[in-house]
Amino acid sequence: MKRSAFGLLAIAFGACLAVTPALAHHSFAAEYDNKKPVTLKGIITKVDWTNPHVYFFIDVKDDKGDISNWGFEMGPPGLLQRAGWTRNTMKVGDEVIVEGTMAKDGSNQANARSVVMANTGKKLGAASSEQTNP
């Protein structure tokens, strides 16, 4: 009896682990408002090159000289690599111009659509999960 209870517990635990990644993923429409495009220029402060999405953060200076930090979500590393990115394409201190879509909650968070490296002018797609509707 103890052996079968342990087996059932192990199966239940394994099932929970298998479902967790699926629950963690989100849809673009759940977090971002495609009616709120944004274009920002700033200096990279952090890059997280991890699955399931790459994130980077930039300091943006407004007209008054005040600085705010913005976070941008991109696609997964594999898709970005196929689009020409490497882990070292963006580095802390680089200046970038980012086109994207703002978060629904009004925070300094956006889904990046494209990134232009200011020093080279090279524009790369961000493997965005955004789907444009005609």
N, C-alpha and C. Protein backbone atom coordinates (compact mmCIF):
# COMPACT_ATOMS: atom_id res chain seq x y z
N MET A 1 0.83 -1.19 0.00
CA MET A 1 0.00 0.00 0.00
C MET A 1 0.86 1.25 0.00
N LYS A 2 1.91 1.26 0.82
CA LYS A 2 2.78 2.43 0.88
C LYS A 2 3.47 2.67 -0.44
N ARG A 3 3.85 1.58 -1.11
CA ARG A 3 4.55 1.71 -2.38
C ARG A 3 3.66 2.34 -3.44
N SER A 4 2.39 1.96 -3.53
CA SER A 4 1.49 2.53 -4.54
C SER A 4 1.15 3.99 -4.22
N ALA A 5 1.05 4.33 -2.94
CA ALA A 5 0.80 5.72 -2.57
C ALA A 5 1.98 6.59 -2.96
N PHE A 6 3.19 6.08 -2.76
CA PHE A 6 4.40 6.82 -3.15
C PHE A 6 4.43 7.00 -4.67
N GLY A 7 4.07 5.97 -5.40
CA GLY A 7 4.04 6.04 -6.87
C GLY A 7 3.04 7.08 -7.36
N LEU A 8 1.86 7.10 -6.76
CA LEU A 8 0.85 8.09 -7.14
C LEU A 8 1.32 9.51 -6.83
N LEU A 9 1.97 9.66 -5.68
CA LEU A 9 2.49 10.96 -5.30
C LEU A 9 3.57 11.42 -6.29
N ALA A 10 4.44 10.51 -6.69
CA ALA A 10 5.50 10.83 -7.65
C ALA A 10 4.91 11.23 -9.00
N ILE A 11 3.88 10.53 -9.44
CA ILE A 11 3.23 10.86 -10.71
C ILE A 11 2.55 12.22 -10.63
N ALA A 12 1.87 12.49 -9.53
CA ALA A 12 1.20 13.79 -9.36
C ALA A 12 2.22 14.93 -9.35
N PHE A 13 3.33 14.72 -8.65
CA PHE A 13 4.37 15.75 -8.60
C PHE A 13 4.95 15.99 -9.99
N GLY A 14 5.21 14.92 -10.72
CA GLY A 14 5.74 15.03 -12.08
C GLY A 14 4.78 15.77 -13.00
N ALA A 15 3.50 15.50 -12.85
CA ALA A 15 2.49 16.18 -13.67
C ALA A 15 2.48 17.68 -13.37
N CYS A 16 2.63 18.03 -12.11
CA CYS A 16 2.67 19.46 -11.73
C CYS A 16 3.87 20.14 -12.36
N LEU A 17 5.01 19.49 -12.35
CA LEU A 17 6.21 20.07 -12.96
C LEU A 17 6.04 20.24 -14.46
N ALA A 18 5.37 19.31 -15.10
CA ALA A 18 5.18 19.39 -16.55
C ALA A 18 4.24 20.52 -16.93
N VAL A 19 3.29 20.85 -16.08
CA VAL A 19 2.32 21.89 -16.38
C VAL A 19 2.85 23.29 -16.06
N THR A 20 3.75 23.42 -15.13
CA THR A 20 4.23 24.73 -14.69
C THR A 20 4.74 25.61 -15.82
N PRO A 21 5.61 25.13 -16.75
CA PRO A 21 6.06 26.02 -17.83
C PRO A 21 4.92 26.52 -18.70
N ALA A 22 3.93 25.70 -18.94
CA ALA A 22 2.80 26.12 -19.77
C ALA A 22 2.02 27.25 -19.09
N LEU A 23 1.90 27.19 -17.80
CA LEU A 23 1.17 28.23 -17.08
C LEU A 23 1.96 29.54 -17.05
N ALA A 24 3.28 29.47 -17.11
CA ALA A 24 4.11 30.66 -17.01
C ALA A 24 4.07 31.49 -18.29
N HIS A 25 3.77 30.88 -19.43
CA HIS A 25 3.77 31.61 -20.68
C HIS A 25 2.50 32.46 -20.78
N HIS A 26 2.60 33.55 -21.50
CA HIS A 26 1.49 34.49 -21.60
C HIS A 26 1.28 34.89 -23.05
N SER A 27 0.13 35.46 -23.33
CA SER A 27 -0.13 35.95 -24.68
C SER A 27 0.23 37.43 -24.75
N PHE A 28 0.55 37.88 -25.95
CA PHE A 28 0.87 39.29 -26.17
C PHE A 28 -0.31 40.16 -25.72
N ALA A 29 -1.51 39.80 -26.14
CA ALA A 29 -2.70 40.61 -25.86
C ALA A 29 -3.01 40.72 -24.38
N ALA A 30 -2.55 39.76 -23.58
CA ALA A 30 -2.82 39.81 -22.15
C ALA A 30 -2.01 40.91 -21.45
N GLU A 31 -0.84 41.24 -22.00
CA GLU A 31 0.03 42.19 -21.32
C GLU A 31 0.26 43.51 -22.07
N TYR A 32 0.13 43.50 -23.39
CA TYR A 32 0.49 44.69 -24.18
C TYR A 32 -0.70 45.20 -24.98
N ASP A 33 -0.71 46.52 -25.22
CA ASP A 33 -1.80 47.17 -25.94
C ASP A 33 -1.30 47.59 -27.32
N ASN A 34 -1.71 46.85 -28.37
CA ASN A 34 -1.20 47.14 -29.71
C ASN A 34 -1.67 48.49 -30.26
N LYS A 35 -2.52 49.19 -29.52
CA LYS A 35 -2.93 50.54 -29.91
C LYS A 35 -2.03 51.60 -29.27
N LYS A 36 -1.00 51.16 -28.54
CA LYS A 36 -0.08 52.08 -27.86
C LYS A 36 1.36 51.82 -28.29
N PRO A 37 1.70 52.21 -29.52
CA PRO A 37 3.09 52.04 -29.95
C PRO A 37 4.00 53.02 -29.22
N VAL A 38 5.26 52.65 -29.09
CA VAL A 38 6.23 53.50 -28.41
C VAL A 38 7.57 53.38 -29.13
N THR A 39 8.27 54.50 -29.24
CA THR A 39 9.64 54.52 -29.76
C THR A 39 10.47 55.28 -28.73
N LEU A 40 11.49 54.60 -28.21
CA LEU A 40 12.33 55.20 -27.17
C LEU A 40 13.81 55.03 -27.51
N LYS A 41 14.58 56.02 -27.12
CA LYS A 41 16.03 55.98 -27.30
C LYS A 41 16.67 56.01 -25.92
N GLY A 42 17.63 55.12 -25.70
CA GLY A 42 18.24 55.09 -24.38
C GLY A 42 19.51 54.26 -24.35
N ILE A 43 20.06 54.16 -23.16
CA ILE A 43 21.30 53.44 -22.92
C ILE A 43 20.99 52.11 -22.22
N ILE A 44 21.52 51.03 -22.74
CA ILE A 44 21.31 49.70 -22.16
C ILE A 44 21.90 49.65 -20.75
N THR A 45 21.08 49.19 -19.80
CA THR A 45 21.54 49.02 -18.41
C THR A 45 21.64 47.55 -18.01
N LYS A 46 20.90 46.68 -18.73
CA LYS A 46 20.92 45.26 -18.38
C LYS A 46 20.36 44.45 -19.55
N VAL A 47 20.92 43.26 -19.78
CA VAL A 47 20.41 42.34 -20.79
C VAL A 47 20.30 40.96 -20.14
N ASP A 48 19.10 40.36 -20.20
CA ASP A 48 18.88 39.00 -19.71
C ASP A 48 18.61 38.10 -20.90
N TRP A 49 19.62 37.36 -21.35
CA TRP A 49 19.52 36.49 -22.52
C TRP A 49 19.13 35.10 -22.03
N THR A 50 17.84 34.89 -21.76
CA THR A 50 17.36 33.64 -21.19
C THR A 50 16.05 33.22 -21.85
N ASN A 51 15.73 31.96 -21.74
CA ASN A 51 14.43 31.45 -22.18
C ASN A 51 13.40 31.72 -21.10
N PRO A 52 12.14 31.91 -21.38
CA PRO A 52 11.55 31.80 -22.71
C PRO A 52 11.61 33.10 -23.50
N HIS A 53 11.99 34.23 -22.88
CA HIS A 53 12.08 35.51 -23.57
C HIS A 53 13.34 36.23 -23.14
N VAL A 54 13.91 36.98 -24.08
CA VAL A 54 15.04 37.85 -23.76
C VAL A 54 14.47 39.18 -23.29
N TYR A 55 15.03 39.73 -22.23
CA TYR A 55 14.63 41.03 -21.72
C TYR A 55 15.85 41.94 -21.71
N PHE A 56 15.61 43.22 -21.98
CA PHE A 56 16.67 44.20 -21.80
C PHE A 56 16.06 45.47 -21.22
N PHE A 57 16.92 46.28 -20.61
CA PHE A 57 16.47 47.48 -19.91
C PHE A 57 17.31 48.66 -20.38
N ILE A 58 16.64 49.81 -20.55
CA ILE A 58 17.34 51.02 -20.99
C ILE A 58 16.96 52.20 -20.10
N ASP A 59 17.92 53.10 -19.93
CA ASP A 59 17.64 54.38 -19.27
C ASP A 59 17.27 55.38 -20.35
N VAL A 60 16.10 56.00 -20.19
CA VAL A 60 15.57 56.96 -21.15
C VAL A 60 15.51 58.33 -20.47
N LYS A 61 16.06 59.33 -21.14
CA LYS A 61 16.05 60.70 -20.61
C LYS A 61 14.92 61.47 -21.26
N ASP A 62 14.06 62.11 -20.44
CA ASP A 62 12.97 62.92 -21.00
C ASP A 62 13.43 64.35 -21.27
N ASP A 63 12.51 65.20 -21.74
CA ASP A 63 12.82 66.59 -22.10
C ASP A 63 13.35 67.40 -20.92
N LYS A 64 12.98 67.03 -19.70
CA LYS A 64 13.43 67.75 -18.51
C LYS A 64 14.77 67.24 -18.00
N GLY A 65 15.26 66.14 -18.59
CA GLY A 65 16.52 65.56 -18.14
C GLY A 65 16.34 64.46 -17.11
N ASP A 66 15.07 64.17 -16.77
CA ASP A 66 14.80 63.08 -15.82
C ASP A 66 14.99 61.74 -16.53
N ILE A 67 15.54 60.78 -15.81
CA ILE A 67 15.81 59.45 -16.38
C ILE A 67 14.86 58.43 -15.79
N SER A 68 14.29 57.62 -16.68
CA SER A 68 13.46 56.50 -16.24
C SER A 68 13.99 55.23 -16.91
N ASN A 69 13.86 54.12 -16.20
CA ASN A 69 14.33 52.84 -16.72
C ASN A 69 13.16 52.08 -17.31
N TRP A 70 13.32 51.59 -18.54
CA TRP A 70 12.28 50.85 -19.25
C TRP A 70 12.75 49.43 -19.48
N GLY A 71 11.83 48.48 -19.34
CA GLY A 71 12.10 47.07 -19.64
C GLY A 71 11.42 46.68 -20.94
N PHE A 72 12.13 45.93 -21.77
CA PHE A 72 11.59 45.46 -23.05
C PHE A 72 11.68 43.94 -23.13
N GLU A 73 10.60 43.33 -23.57
CA GLU A 73 10.55 41.90 -23.81
C GLU A 73 10.77 41.64 -25.29
N MET A 74 11.59 40.66 -25.59
CA MET A 74 11.77 40.22 -26.98
C MET A 74 11.39 38.74 -27.06
N GLY A 75 11.58 38.15 -28.21
CA GLY A 75 11.30 36.74 -28.40
C GLY A 75 12.35 35.87 -27.73
N PRO A 76 12.26 34.56 -27.93
CA PRO A 76 13.22 33.64 -27.33
C PRO A 76 14.59 33.72 -28.02
N PRO A 77 15.65 33.34 -27.32
CA PRO A 77 17.00 33.42 -27.88
C PRO A 77 17.15 32.73 -29.24
N GLY A 78 16.54 31.57 -29.42
CA GLY A 78 16.67 30.84 -30.69
C GLY A 78 16.13 31.64 -31.87
N LEU A 79 14.96 32.24 -31.71
CA LEU A 79 14.40 33.06 -32.79
C LEU A 79 15.24 34.30 -33.04
N LEU A 80 15.76 34.91 -31.99
CA LEU A 80 16.61 36.09 -32.15
C LEU A 80 17.90 35.74 -32.88
N GLN A 81 18.48 34.58 -32.59
CA GLN A 81 19.69 34.16 -33.28
C GLN A 81 19.43 33.97 -34.76
N ARG A 82 18.28 33.41 -35.12
CA ARG A 82 17.94 33.24 -36.53
C ARG A 82 17.71 34.59 -37.22
N ALA A 83 17.40 35.62 -36.43
CA ALA A 83 17.18 36.96 -36.98
C ALA A 83 18.48 37.79 -37.01
N GLY A 84 19.60 37.18 -36.60
CA GLY A 84 20.87 37.89 -36.66
C GLY A 84 21.46 38.34 -35.35
N TRP A 85 20.77 38.09 -34.26
CA TRP A 85 21.27 38.47 -32.93
C TRP A 85 22.28 37.46 -32.42
N THR A 86 23.16 37.91 -31.54
CA THR A 86 23.98 37.02 -30.72
C THR A 86 23.82 37.50 -29.29
N ARG A 87 24.34 36.71 -28.38
CA ARG A 87 24.29 37.08 -26.96
C ARG A 87 24.99 38.42 -26.71
N ASN A 88 25.91 38.80 -27.60
CA ASN A 88 26.70 40.03 -27.42
C ASN A 88 26.30 41.18 -28.34
N THR A 89 25.18 41.06 -29.03
CA THR A 89 24.75 42.15 -29.92
C THR A 89 24.53 43.44 -29.14
N MET A 90 23.86 43.33 -28.00
CA MET A 90 23.63 44.49 -27.12
C MET A 90 24.45 44.30 -25.86
N LYS A 91 25.13 45.37 -25.48
CA LYS A 91 25.91 45.34 -24.25
C LYS A 91 25.54 46.54 -23.38
N VAL A 92 25.73 46.40 -22.09
CA VAL A 92 25.50 47.51 -21.18
C VAL A 92 26.33 48.70 -21.66
N GLY A 93 25.69 49.87 -21.75
CA GLY A 93 26.35 51.08 -22.20
C GLY A 93 26.06 51.43 -23.65
N ASP A 94 25.57 50.46 -24.45
CA ASP A 94 25.21 50.73 -25.84
C ASP A 94 23.96 51.62 -25.89
N GLU A 95 23.91 52.48 -26.89
CA GLU A 95 22.72 53.30 -27.12
C GLU A 95 21.86 52.61 -28.18
N VAL A 96 20.55 52.54 -27.93
CA VAL A 96 19.62 51.88 -28.85
C VAL A 96 18.37 52.73 -29.04
N ILE A 97 17.72 52.49 -30.15
CA ILE A 97 16.40 53.07 -30.42
C ILE A 97 15.45 51.88 -30.57
N VAL A 98 14.42 51.84 -29.75
CA VAL A 98 13.53 50.68 -29.70
C VAL A 98 12.13 51.09 -30.12
N GLU A 99 11.55 50.31 -31.03
CA GLU A 99 10.14 50.45 -31.40
C GLU A 99 9.40 49.28 -30.79
N GLY A 100 8.28 49.56 -30.17
CA GLY A 100 7.54 48.48 -29.54
C GLY A 100 6.13 48.87 -29.18
N THR A 101 5.58 48.11 -28.26
CA THR A 101 4.20 48.29 -27.83
C THR A 101 4.17 48.32 -26.30
N MET A 102 3.53 49.34 -25.76
CA MET A 102 3.49 49.55 -24.32
C MET A 102 2.65 48.51 -23.58
N ALA A 103 2.99 48.31 -22.32
CA ALA A 103 2.23 47.43 -21.44
C ALA A 103 0.86 48.04 -21.16
N LYS A 104 -0.12 47.18 -20.99
CA LYS A 104 -1.48 47.65 -20.68
C LYS A 104 -1.56 48.35 -19.34
N ASP A 105 -0.72 47.94 -18.39
CA ASP A 105 -0.81 48.50 -17.04
C ASP A 105 -0.17 49.88 -16.90
N GLY A 106 0.38 50.43 -17.99
CA GLY A 106 0.96 51.77 -17.94
C GLY A 106 2.35 51.85 -17.34
N SER A 107 2.93 50.70 -17.00
CA SER A 107 4.28 50.69 -16.43
C SER A 107 5.32 50.94 -17.53
N ASN A 108 6.56 51.13 -17.11
CA ASN A 108 7.66 51.34 -18.05
C ASN A 108 8.13 49.99 -18.60
N GLN A 109 7.21 49.30 -19.23
CA GLN A 109 7.45 47.97 -19.79
C GLN A 109 6.84 47.94 -21.18
N ALA A 110 7.55 47.29 -22.13
CA ALA A 110 7.03 47.21 -23.49
C ALA A 110 7.51 45.93 -24.15
N ASN A 111 6.84 45.55 -25.22
CA ASN A 111 7.26 44.44 -26.06
C ASN A 111 7.98 45.05 -27.25
N ALA A 112 9.26 44.71 -27.42
CA ALA A 112 10.06 45.29 -28.50
C ALA A 112 9.69 44.66 -29.83
N ARG A 113 9.56 45.49 -30.86
CA ARG A 113 9.30 45.04 -32.21
C ARG A 113 10.58 45.07 -33.03
N SER A 114 11.39 46.14 -32.83
CA SER A 114 12.68 46.26 -33.50
C SER A 114 13.62 47.09 -32.65
N VAL A 115 14.91 46.87 -32.87
CA VAL A 115 15.95 47.59 -32.14
C VAL A 115 16.97 48.09 -33.14
N VAL A 116 17.31 49.37 -33.05
CA VAL A 116 18.36 49.95 -33.88
C VAL A 116 19.55 50.24 -32.98
N MET A 117 20.70 49.71 -33.37
CA MET A 117 21.93 49.99 -32.64
C MET A 117 22.40 51.38 -33.09
N ALA A 118 22.40 52.34 -32.18
CA ALA A 118 22.67 53.74 -32.54
C ALA A 118 24.07 53.93 -33.11
N ASN A 119 25.05 53.17 -32.64
CA ASN A 119 26.43 53.38 -33.11
C ASN A 119 26.65 52.87 -34.53
N THR A 120 25.86 51.89 -34.99
CA THR A 120 26.04 51.35 -36.34
C THR A 120 24.85 51.61 -37.25
N GLY A 121 23.70 51.92 -36.69
CA GLY A 121 22.48 52.10 -37.49
C GLY A 121 21.84 50.78 -37.88
N LYS A 122 22.42 49.66 -37.43
CA LYS A 122 21.88 48.35 -37.77
C LYS A 122 20.56 48.12 -37.06
N LYS A 123 19.53 47.75 -37.85
CA LYS A 123 18.20 47.50 -37.30
C LYS A 123 17.94 46.00 -37.31
N LEU A 124 17.51 45.48 -36.16
CA LEU A 124 17.20 44.06 -36.03
C LEU A 124 15.78 43.87 -35.52
N GLY A 125 15.10 42.88 -36.05
CA GLY A 125 13.79 42.51 -35.53
C GLY A 125 13.95 41.89 -34.16
N ALA A 126 12.94 41.99 -33.33
CA ALA A 126 13.03 41.51 -31.95
C ALA A 126 12.26 40.22 -31.71
N ALA A 127 11.84 39.54 -32.79
CA ALA A 127 11.09 38.29 -32.66
C ALA A 127 9.89 38.47 -31.74
N SER A 128 9.20 39.59 -31.91
CA SER A 128 8.06 39.94 -31.08
C SER A 128 6.92 38.95 -31.23
N SER A 129 6.18 38.76 -30.17
CA SER A 129 5.00 37.90 -30.22
C SER A 129 3.76 38.67 -30.67
N GLU A 130 3.94 39.95 -30.98
CA GLU A 130 2.81 40.78 -31.42
C GLU A 130 2.33 40.32 -32.78
N GLN A 131 1.02 40.24 -32.92
CA GLN A 131 0.40 39.95 -34.20
C GLN A 131 -0.38 41.17 -34.60
N THR A 132 -0.08 41.69 -35.78
CA THR A 132 -0.80 42.90 -36.21
C THR A 132 -2.13 42.48 -36.84
N ASN A 133 -3.17 43.23 -36.52
CA ASN A 133 -4.49 42.98 -37.07
C ASN A 133 -4.82 44.07 -38.06
N PRO A 134 -5.22 43.68 -39.28
CA PRO A 134 -5.54 44.71 -40.30
C PRO A 134 -6.70 45.59 -39.93
